[in-house]
């Protein structure tokens, strides 16, 4: 058995152990059609063949993302539900923005990020609704590069019970995907949160996953100064995301 296969098997066993420790029955993950959620879907199906669930959640989404998500679902044969959350997300967003407009407080410049983060938080609330009904734990999809840079929504895709990919660089996620047999279309697509037209992770961050992986692995001589500064800034400004909400000292 290769070292990678051994790590995959140990991660699968870790997932089983965590479910047993929590006195739960299984695991659920949101399946986006991206590489990270694909790897997690395959892992939880291995861990709980009869008690794992994938949830597809479209919100004004590119139809290609749903097709890729279905390739993941069909590839690992996981049970799934397919939801369109466009209407509830729009209802909340419109209700809030209209109320702010009435008070002359609305900020148009922040709308795109407000919309994007609300999508992530509604998706996670939806996954927890599924998990609560089934007695499952919610599994996150963030990898080491995303955690280091804060490239996740606080209480959105970051609001989960377990994070099995947290120690993997993006490169390692791709390596696991190939070993697990994930569809080439999913492996070869550009990483994107699918939050707006043309959005990609690397374009939004201003650097590449290769550069972030190199920083995480201590290969700073391979990372241009510009990229080091971007990655350092992303890590610094997202520090709050990696901690529970702070409390004051006892006065």
C-alpha atoms as a PDB file:
ATOM      1  CA  UNK A   1       0.000   0.000   0.000  1.00  0.00           C
ATOM      2  CA  UNK A   2       1.350   3.440  -0.900  1.00  0.00           C
ATOM      3  CA  UNK A   3       1.797   6.128   1.731  1.00  0.00           C
ATOM      4  CA  UNK A   4      -1.063   8.113   0.164  1.00  0.00           C
ATOM      5  CA  UNK A   5      -3.448   5.157   0.318  1.00  0.00           C
ATOM      6  CA  UNK A   6      -2.492   4.700   3.950  1.00  0.00           C
ATOM      7  CA  UNK A   7      -3.249   8.355   4.716  1.00  0.00           C
ATOM      8  CA  UNK A   8      -6.606   8.064   2.979  1.00  0.00           C
ATOM      9  CA  UNK A   9      -7.473   4.933   4.981  1.00  0.00           C
ATOM     10  CA  UNK A  10      -6.440   6.606   8.233  1.00  0.00           C
ATOM     11  CA  UNK A  11      -8.562   9.645   7.407  1.00  0.00           C
ATOM     12  CA  UNK A  12     -11.550   7.402   6.689  1.00  0.00           C
ATOM     13  CA  UNK A  13     -11.051   5.672  10.052  1.00  0.00           C
ATOM     14  CA  UNK A  14     -10.699   9.069  11.755  1.00  0.00           C
ATOM     15  CA  UNK A  15     -14.076  10.081  10.316  1.00  0.00           C
ATOM     16  CA  UNK A  16     -15.639   6.891  11.719  1.00  0.00           C
ATOM     17  CA  UNK A  17     -14.069   7.508  15.111  1.00  0.00           C
ATOM     18  CA  UNK A  18     -15.359  11.079  15.274  1.00  0.00           C
ATOM     19  CA  UNK A  19     -18.899  10.018  14.398  1.00  0.00           C
ATOM     20  CA  UNK A  20     -18.803   7.334  17.070  1.00  0.00           C
ATOM     21  CA  UNK A  21     -17.422   9.770  19.652  1.00  0.00           C
ATOM     22  CA  UNK A  22     -20.295  12.147  18.905  1.00  0.00           C
ATOM     23  CA  UNK A  23     -22.873   9.328  19.133  1.00  0.00           C
ATOM     24  CA  UNK A  24     -24.029  10.215  15.638  1.00  0.00           C
ATOM     25  CA  UNK A  25     -25.001   7.980  12.736  1.00  0.00           C
ATOM     26  CA  UNK A  26     -23.186   9.255   9.673  1.00  0.00           C
ATOM     27  CA  UNK A  27     -21.826  12.190   7.664  1.00  0.00           C
ATOM     28  CA  UNK A  28     -23.104  14.825   5.237  1.00  0.00           C
ATOM     29  CA  UNK A  29     -21.290  17.221   2.895  1.00  0.00           C
ATOM     30  CA  UNK A  30     -22.325  19.924   0.460  1.00  0.00           C
ATOM     31  CA  UNK A  31     -21.213  18.866  -3.026  1.00  0.00           C
ATOM     32  CA  UNK A  32     -20.363  21.837  -5.245  1.00  0.00           C
ATOM     33  CA  UNK A  33     -18.735  20.162  -8.229  1.00  0.00           C
ATOM     34  CA  UNK A  34     -15.305  21.336  -7.083  1.00  0.00           C
ATOM     35  CA  UNK A  35     -12.277  19.242  -6.234  1.00  0.00           C
ATOM     36  CA  UNK A  36     -12.369  19.616  -2.433  1.00  0.00           C
ATOM     37  CA  UNK A  37     -15.995  18.638  -1.921  1.00  0.00           C
ATOM     38  CA  UNK A  38     -15.492  15.787  -4.381  1.00  0.00           C
ATOM     39  CA  UNK A  39     -12.660  14.321  -2.300  1.00  0.00           C
ATOM     40  CA  UNK A  40     -14.717  14.696   0.872  1.00  0.00           C
ATOM     41  CA  UNK A  41     -17.743  13.027  -0.728  1.00  0.00           C
ATOM     42  CA  UNK A  42     -15.619  10.018  -1.677  1.00  0.00           C
ATOM     43  CA  UNK A  43     -14.092   9.880   1.830  1.00  0.00           C
ATOM     44  CA  UNK A  44     -17.394   9.952   3.693  1.00  0.00           C
ATOM     45  CA  UNK A  45     -18.886   7.354   1.365  1.00  0.00           C
ATOM     46  CA  UNK A  46     -15.932   5.104   2.221  1.00  0.00           C
ATOM     47  CA  UNK A  47     -16.370   5.811   5.931  1.00  0.00           C
ATOM     48  CA  UNK A  48     -20.145   5.227   5.991  1.00  0.00           C
ATOM     49  CA  UNK A  49     -21.346   3.436   2.848  1.00  0.00           C
ATOM     50  CA  UNK A  50     -24.948   3.340   4.109  1.00  0.00           C
ATOM     51  CA  UNK A  51     -24.978   6.526   6.184  1.00  0.00           C
ATOM     52  CA  UNK A  52     -23.469   9.299   4.077  1.00  0.00           C
ATOM     53  CA  UNK A  53     -25.176  12.073   2.177  1.00  0.00           C
ATOM     54  CA  UNK A  54     -24.227  14.642  -0.434  1.00  0.00           C
ATOM     55  CA  UNK A  55     -26.246  17.839  -0.827  1.00  0.00           C
ATOM     56  CA  UNK A  56     -26.213  19.828  -4.075  1.00  0.00           C
ATOM     57  CA  UNK A  57     -27.298  23.420  -3.416  1.00  0.00           C
ATOM     58  CA  UNK A  58     -27.718  25.693  -6.431  1.00  0.00           C
ATOM     59  CA  UNK A  59     -28.033  29.439  -5.839  1.00  0.00           C
ATOM     60  CA  UNK A  60     -28.016  31.390  -9.113  1.00  0.00           C
ATOM     61  CA  UNK A  61     -25.367  28.841 -10.041  1.00  0.00           C
ATOM     62  CA  UNK A  62     -23.673  27.945 -13.292  1.00  0.00           C
ATOM     63  CA  UNK A  63     -25.485  24.791 -14.546  1.00  0.00           C
ATOM     64  CA  UNK A  64     -22.080  23.238 -15.282  1.00  0.00           C
ATOM     65  CA  UNK A  65     -21.325  23.177 -11.548  1.00  0.00           C
ATOM     66  CA  UNK A  66     -24.408  21.057 -10.915  1.00  0.00           C
ATOM     67  CA  UNK A  67     -23.407  18.706 -13.725  1.00  0.00           C
ATOM     68  CA  UNK A  68     -19.957  18.304 -12.185  1.00  0.00           C
ATOM     69  CA  UNK A  69     -21.528  17.731  -8.772  1.00  0.00           C
ATOM     70  CA  UNK A  70     -23.634  14.942 -10.270  1.00  0.00           C
ATOM     71  CA  UNK A  71     -20.489  13.389 -11.751  1.00  0.00           C
ATOM     72  CA  UNK A  72     -19.106  13.255  -8.208  1.00  0.00           C
ATOM     73  CA  UNK A  73     -22.353  11.828  -6.817  1.00  0.00           C
ATOM     74  CA  UNK A  74     -22.543   9.163  -9.518  1.00  0.00           C
ATOM     75  CA  UNK A  75     -18.841   8.400  -9.254  1.00  0.00           C
ATOM     76  CA  UNK A  76     -18.875   7.493  -5.587  1.00  0.00           C
ATOM     77  CA  UNK A  77     -22.504   6.311  -5.534  1.00  0.00           C
ATOM     78  CA  UNK A  78     -23.355   8.424  -2.498  1.00  0.00           C
ATOM     79  CA  UNK A  79     -26.966   9.139  -1.511  1.00  0.00           C
ATOM     80  CA  UNK A  80     -27.889  12.737  -2.300  1.00  0.00           C
ATOM     81  CA  UNK A  81     -30.532  15.418  -2.443  1.00  0.00           C
ATOM     82  CA  UNK A  82     -30.565  18.167  -5.071  1.00  0.00           C
ATOM     83  CA  UNK A  83     -31.844  21.565  -3.901  1.00  0.00           C
ATOM     84  CA  UNK A  84     -32.306  24.936  -5.565  1.00  0.00           C
ATOM     85  CA  UNK A  85     -31.931  27.607  -2.875  1.00  0.00           C
ATOM     86  CA  UNK A  86     -32.057  30.624  -5.204  1.00  0.00           C
ATOM     87  CA  UNK A  87     -35.476  31.796  -3.996  1.00  0.00           C
ATOM     88  CA  UNK A  88     -34.848  31.661  -0.214  1.00  0.00           C
ATOM     89  CA  UNK A  89     -31.436  33.295  -0.632  1.00  0.00           C
ATOM     90  CA  UNK A  90     -32.918  36.089  -2.751  1.00  0.00           C
ATOM     91  CA  UNK A  91     -35.747  36.572  -0.255  1.00  0.00           C
ATOM     92  CA  UNK A  92     -33.349  37.101   2.656  1.00  0.00           C
ATOM     93  CA  UNK A  93     -31.002  39.330   0.645  1.00  0.00           C
ATOM     94  CA  UNK A  94     -33.838  41.499  -0.686  1.00  0.00           C
ATOM     95  CA  UNK A  95     -35.515  41.749   2.722  1.00  0.00           C
ATOM     96  CA  UNK A  96     -32.305  42.964   4.356  1.00  0.00           C
ATOM     97  CA  UNK A  97     -31.194  45.341   1.602  1.00  0.00           C
ATOM     98  CA  UNK A  98     -34.658  46.888   1.275  1.00  0.00           C
ATOM     99  CA  UNK A  99     -34.753  47.532   5.011  1.00  0.00           C
ATOM    100  CA  UNK A 100     -31.310  49.144   4.897  1.00  0.00           C
ATOM    101  CA  UNK A 101     -32.364  51.282   1.933  1.00  0.00           C
ATOM    102  CA  UNK A 102     -35.400  52.539   3.852  1.00  0.00           C
ATOM    103  CA  UNK A 103     -33.035  53.842   6.532  1.00  0.00           C
ATOM    104  CA  UNK A 104     -30.580  55.199   3.964  1.00  0.00           C
ATOM    105  CA  UNK A 105     -27.861  52.849   5.271  1.00  0.00           C
ATOM    106  CA  UNK A 106     -27.448  50.564   2.242  1.00  0.00           C
ATOM    107  CA  UNK A 107     -23.912  50.229   0.783  1.00  0.00           C
ATOM    108  CA  UNK A 108     -23.944  49.209  -2.888  1.00  0.00           C
ATOM    109  CA  UNK A 109     -20.167  48.606  -2.893  1.00  0.00           C
ATOM    110  CA  UNK A 110     -20.585  45.722  -0.443  1.00  0.00           C
ATOM    111  CA  UNK A 111     -23.462  44.004  -2.246  1.00  0.00           C
ATOM    112  CA  UNK A 112     -21.447  41.400  -4.157  1.00  0.00           C
ATOM    113  CA  UNK A 113     -19.620  40.138  -1.074  1.00  0.00           C
ATOM    114  CA  UNK A 114     -22.806  40.316   1.010  1.00  0.00           C
ATOM    115  CA  UNK A 115     -24.570  38.195  -1.612  1.00  0.00           C
ATOM    116  CA  UNK A 116     -21.665  35.728  -1.828  1.00  0.00           C
ATOM    117  CA  UNK A 117     -21.289  35.229   1.918  1.00  0.00           C
ATOM    118  CA  UNK A 118     -25.040  34.829   2.350  1.00  0.00           C
ATOM    119  CA  UNK A 119     -24.972  32.033  -0.239  1.00  0.00           C
ATOM    120  CA  UNK A 120     -22.278  30.220   1.737  1.00  0.00           C
ATOM    121  CA  UNK A 121     -24.117  30.650   5.037  1.00  0.00           C
ATOM    122  CA  UNK A 122     -27.472  29.544   3.644  1.00  0.00           C
ATOM    123  CA  UNK A 123     -25.817  26.467   2.162  1.00  0.00           C
ATOM    124  CA  UNK A 124     -24.276  25.545   5.511  1.00  0.00           C
ATOM    125  CA  UNK A 125     -27.564  26.158   7.350  1.00  0.00           C
ATOM    126  CA  UNK A 126     -29.181  23.848   4.815  1.00  0.00           C
ATOM    127  CA  UNK A 127     -26.566  21.135   5.307  1.00  0.00           C
ATOM    128  CA  UNK A 128     -27.074  21.367   9.079  1.00  0.00           C
ATOM    129  CA  UNK A 129     -30.824  21.038   8.590  1.00  0.00           C
ATOM    130  CA  UNK A 130     -30.164  17.772   6.742  1.00  0.00           C
ATOM    131  CA  UNK A 131     -27.633  16.653   9.358  1.00  0.00           C
ATOM    132  CA  UNK A 132     -29.959  17.365  12.275  1.00  0.00           C
ATOM    133  CA  UNK A 133     -32.763  15.380  10.702  1.00  0.00           C
ATOM    134  CA  UNK A 134     -30.555  12.363   9.979  1.00  0.00           C
ATOM    135  CA  UNK A 135     -28.365  12.442  13.075  1.00  0.00           C
ATOM    136  CA  UNK A 136     -25.234  13.092  11.008  1.00  0.00           C
ATOM    137  CA  UNK A 137     -22.176  15.312  11.456  1.00  0.00           C
ATOM    138  CA  UNK A 138     -21.401  18.031   8.898  1.00  0.00           C
ATOM    139  CA  UNK A 139     -18.094  17.626   7.068  1.00  0.00           C
ATOM    140  CA  UNK A 140     -16.205  20.646   5.736  1.00  0.00           C
ATOM    141  CA  UNK A 141     -14.128  20.850   2.575  1.00  0.00           C
ATOM    142  CA  UNK A 142     -11.457  23.428   3.402  1.00  0.00           C
ATOM    143  CA  UNK A 143      -7.839  22.456   2.771  1.00  0.00           C
ATOM    144  CA  UNK A 144      -4.648  23.793   4.376  1.00  0.00           C
ATOM    145  CA  UNK A 145      -4.181  26.528   1.756  1.00  0.00           C
ATOM    146  CA  UNK A 146      -7.718  27.853   2.248  1.00  0.00           C
ATOM    147  CA  UNK A 147      -7.449  27.741   6.027  1.00  0.00           C
ATOM    148  CA  UNK A 148      -4.085  29.543   6.009  1.00  0.00           C
ATOM    149  CA  UNK A 149      -5.352  32.364   3.776  1.00  0.00           C
ATOM    150  CA  UNK A 150      -8.839  32.538   5.265  1.00  0.00           C
ATOM    151  CA  UNK A 151     -10.358  31.679   1.907  1.00  0.00           C
ATOM    152  CA  UNK A 152     -13.649  30.541   3.369  1.00  0.00           C
ATOM    153  CA  UNK A 153     -16.768  32.203   4.731  1.00  0.00           C
ATOM    154  CA  UNK A 154     -16.944  32.476   8.494  1.00  0.00           C
ATOM    155  CA  UNK A 155     -19.974  30.470   9.649  1.00  0.00           C
ATOM    156  CA  UNK A 156     -20.485  29.471   6.011  1.00  0.00           C
ATOM    157  CA  UNK A 157     -18.281  26.770   4.523  1.00  0.00           C
ATOM    158  CA  UNK A 158     -16.105  27.312   7.612  1.00  0.00           C
ATOM    159  CA  UNK A 159     -18.966  26.372   9.957  1.00  0.00           C
ATOM    160  CA  UNK A 160     -18.671  22.593  10.168  1.00  0.00           C
ATOM    161  CA  UNK A 161     -18.067  19.708  12.565  1.00  0.00           C
ATOM    162  CA  UNK A 162     -15.084  18.020  10.898  1.00  0.00           C
ATOM    163  CA  UNK A 163     -12.404  19.212   8.468  1.00  0.00           C
ATOM    164  CA  UNK A 164     -10.668  16.115   7.045  1.00  0.00           C
ATOM    165  CA  UNK A 165      -8.637  18.002   4.413  1.00  0.00           C
ATOM    166  CA  UNK A 166      -7.248  20.601   6.831  1.00  0.00           C
ATOM    167  CA  UNK A 167      -3.697  19.212   6.723  1.00  0.00           C
ATOM    168  CA  UNK A 168      -3.563  18.813   2.931  1.00  0.00           C
ATOM    169  CA  UNK A 169      -2.081  21.331   0.524  1.00  0.00           C
ATOM    170  CA  UNK A 170      -4.077  21.961  -2.639  1.00  0.00           C
ATOM    171  CA  UNK A 171      -1.578  19.824  -4.542  1.00  0.00           C
ATOM    172  CA  UNK A 172      -2.195  16.930  -2.164  1.00  0.00           C
ATOM    173  CA  UNK A 173      -5.959  17.303  -2.613  1.00  0.00           C
ATOM    174  CA  UNK A 174      -5.459  16.787  -6.357  1.00  0.00           C
ATOM    175  CA  UNK A 175      -3.251  13.763  -5.692  1.00  0.00           C
ATOM    176  CA  UNK A 176      -5.895  12.214  -3.444  1.00  0.00           C
ATOM    177  CA  UNK A 177      -8.558  12.927  -6.071  1.00  0.00           C
ATOM    178  CA  UNK A 178      -6.633  10.934  -8.671  1.00  0.00           C
ATOM    179  CA  UNK A 179      -6.123   7.997  -6.300  1.00  0.00           C
ATOM    180  CA  UNK A 180      -9.808   8.034  -5.350  1.00  0.00           C
ATOM    181  CA  UNK A 181     -10.834   7.950  -9.034  1.00  0.00           C
ATOM    182  CA  UNK A 182     -12.643  11.278  -9.227  1.00  0.00           C
ATOM    183  CA  UNK A 183     -13.883  12.336 -12.687  1.00  0.00           C
ATOM    184  CA  UNK A 184     -11.301  14.148 -14.846  1.00  0.00           C
ATOM    185  CA  UNK A 185     -13.729  17.017 -15.520  1.00  0.00           C
ATOM    186  CA  UNK A 186     -13.774  17.815 -11.802  1.00  0.00           C
ATOM    187  CA  UNK A 187     -10.000  17.473 -11.444  1.00  0.00           C
ATOM    188  CA  UNK A 188      -9.231  19.654 -14.471  1.00  0.00           C
ATOM    189  CA  UNK A 189     -11.588  22.593 -13.818  1.00  0.00           C
ATOM    190  CA  UNK A 190     -10.275  25.866 -12.357  1.00  0.00           C
ATOM    191  CA  UNK A 191     -10.934  26.099  -8.602  1.00  0.00           C
ATOM    192  CA  UNK A 192     -13.883  28.406  -8.010  1.00  0.00           C
ATOM    193  CA  UNK A 193     -16.388  29.075  -5.254  1.00  0.00           C
ATOM    194  CA  UNK A 194     -18.948  29.761  -8.002  1.00  0.00           C
ATOM    195  CA  UNK A 195     -20.029  32.984  -6.335  1.00  0.00           C
ATOM    196  CA  UNK A 196     -20.264  35.154  -9.459  1.00  0.00           C
ATOM    197  CA  UNK A 197     -19.692  34.918 -13.202  1.00  0.00           C
ATOM    198  CA  UNK A 198     -16.034  34.319 -14.041  1.00  0.00           C
ATOM    199  CA  UNK A 199     -15.005  34.060 -10.396  1.00  0.00           C
ATOM    200  CA  UNK A 200     -12.006  31.858  -9.624  1.00  0.00           C
ATOM    201  CA  UNK A 201     -10.221  31.303  -6.320  1.00  0.00           C
ATOM    202  CA  UNK A 202      -6.817  32.371  -7.593  1.00  0.00           C
ATOM    203  CA  UNK A 203      -8.097  35.482  -9.365  1.00  0.00           C
ATOM    204  CA  UNK A 204      -9.874  36.594  -6.207  1.00  0.00           C
ATOM    205  CA  UNK A 205      -6.915  35.903  -3.904  1.00  0.00           C
ATOM    206  CA  UNK A 206      -4.362  37.492  -6.223  1.00  0.00           C
ATOM    207  CA  UNK A 207      -1.979  34.558  -5.993  1.00  0.00           C
ATOM    208  CA  UNK A 208      -1.938  30.866  -6.859  1.00  0.00           C
ATOM    209  CA  UNK A 209      -2.434  27.686  -4.874  1.00  0.00           C
ATOM    210  CA  UNK A 210       1.054  26.619  -5.968  1.00  0.00           C
ATOM    211  CA  UNK A 211       2.468  29.705  -4.263  1.00  0.00           C
ATOM    212  CA  UNK A 212       0.411  29.126  -1.090  1.00  0.00           C
ATOM    213  CA  UNK A 213       1.444  25.461  -0.992  1.00  0.00           C
ATOM    214  CA  UNK A 214       5.093  26.502  -1.323  1.00  0.00           C
ATOM    215  CA  UNK A 215       4.737  28.876   1.636  1.00  0.00           C
ATOM    216  CA  UNK A 216       3.069  26.159   3.724  1.00  0.00           C
ATOM    217  CA  UNK A 217       5.875  23.746   2.878  1.00  0.00           C
ATOM    218  CA  UNK A 218       8.601  26.262   3.713  1.00  0.00           C
ATOM    219  CA  UNK A 219       9.834  26.646   0.116  1.00  0.00           C
ATOM    220  CA  UNK A 220       9.979  30.433   0.312  1.00  0.00           C
ATOM    221  CA  UNK A 221      12.855  30.653  -2.187  1.00  0.00           C
ATOM    222  CA  UNK A 222      10.341  29.559  -4.852  1.00  0.00           C
ATOM    223  CA  UNK A 223       7.819  32.284  -3.979  1.00  0.00           C
ATOM    224  CA  UNK A 224       8.220  35.818  -5.430  1.00  0.00           C
ATOM    225  CA  UNK A 225       8.185  38.622  -2.863  1.00  0.00           C
ATOM    226  CA  UNK A 226       4.879  39.943  -4.245  1.00  0.00           C
ATOM    227  CA  UNK A 227       3.159  36.610  -3.620  1.00  0.00           C
ATOM    228  CA  UNK A 228       4.710  36.273  -0.169  1.00  0.00           C
ATOM    229  CA  UNK A 229       3.288  39.677   0.769  1.00  0.00           C
ATOM    230  CA  UNK A 230      -0.195  38.777  -0.544  1.00  0.00           C
ATOM    231  CA  UNK A 231      -0.247  35.446   1.307  1.00  0.00           C
ATOM    232  CA  UNK A 232       1.056  37.054   4.503  1.00  0.00           C
ATOM    233  CA  UNK A 233      -1.630  39.740   4.330  1.00  0.00           C
ATOM    234  CA  UNK A 234      -4.409  37.210   3.661  1.00  0.00           C
ATOM    235  CA  UNK A 235      -3.246  35.164   6.643  1.00  0.00           C
ATOM    236  CA  UNK A 236      -3.055  38.209   8.913  1.00  0.00           C
ATOM    237  CA  UNK A 237      -6.437  39.735   8.101  1.00  0.00           C
ATOM    238  CA  UNK A 238      -8.227  36.366   8.354  1.00  0.00           C
ATOM    239  CA  UNK A 239      -6.813  35.406  11.764  1.00  0.00           C
ATOM    240  CA  UNK A 240     -10.229  35.908  13.405  1.00  0.00           C
ATOM    241  CA  UNK A 241     -11.704  33.186  11.193  1.00  0.00           C
ATOM    242  CA  UNK A 242      -9.460  30.525  12.718  1.00  0.00           C
ATOM    243  CA  UNK A 243     -10.667  31.089  16.287  1.00  0.00           C
ATOM    244  CA  UNK A 244     -13.937  30.882  18.146  1.00  0.00           C
ATOM    245  CA  UNK A 245     -15.579  34.206  18.918  1.00  0.00           C
ATOM    246  CA  UNK A 246     -13.525  36.049  21.560  1.00  0.00           C
ATOM    247  CA  UNK A 247     -14.887  36.817  24.994  1.00  0.00           C
ATOM    248  CA  UNK A 248     -13.792  39.639  27.288  1.00  0.00           C
ATOM    249  CA  UNK A 249     -11.778  38.984  30.439  1.00  0.00           C
ATOM    250  CA  UNK A 250     -13.691  38.844  33.726  1.00  0.00           C
ATOM    251  CA  UNK A 251     -13.981  42.442  34.851  1.00  0.00           C
END
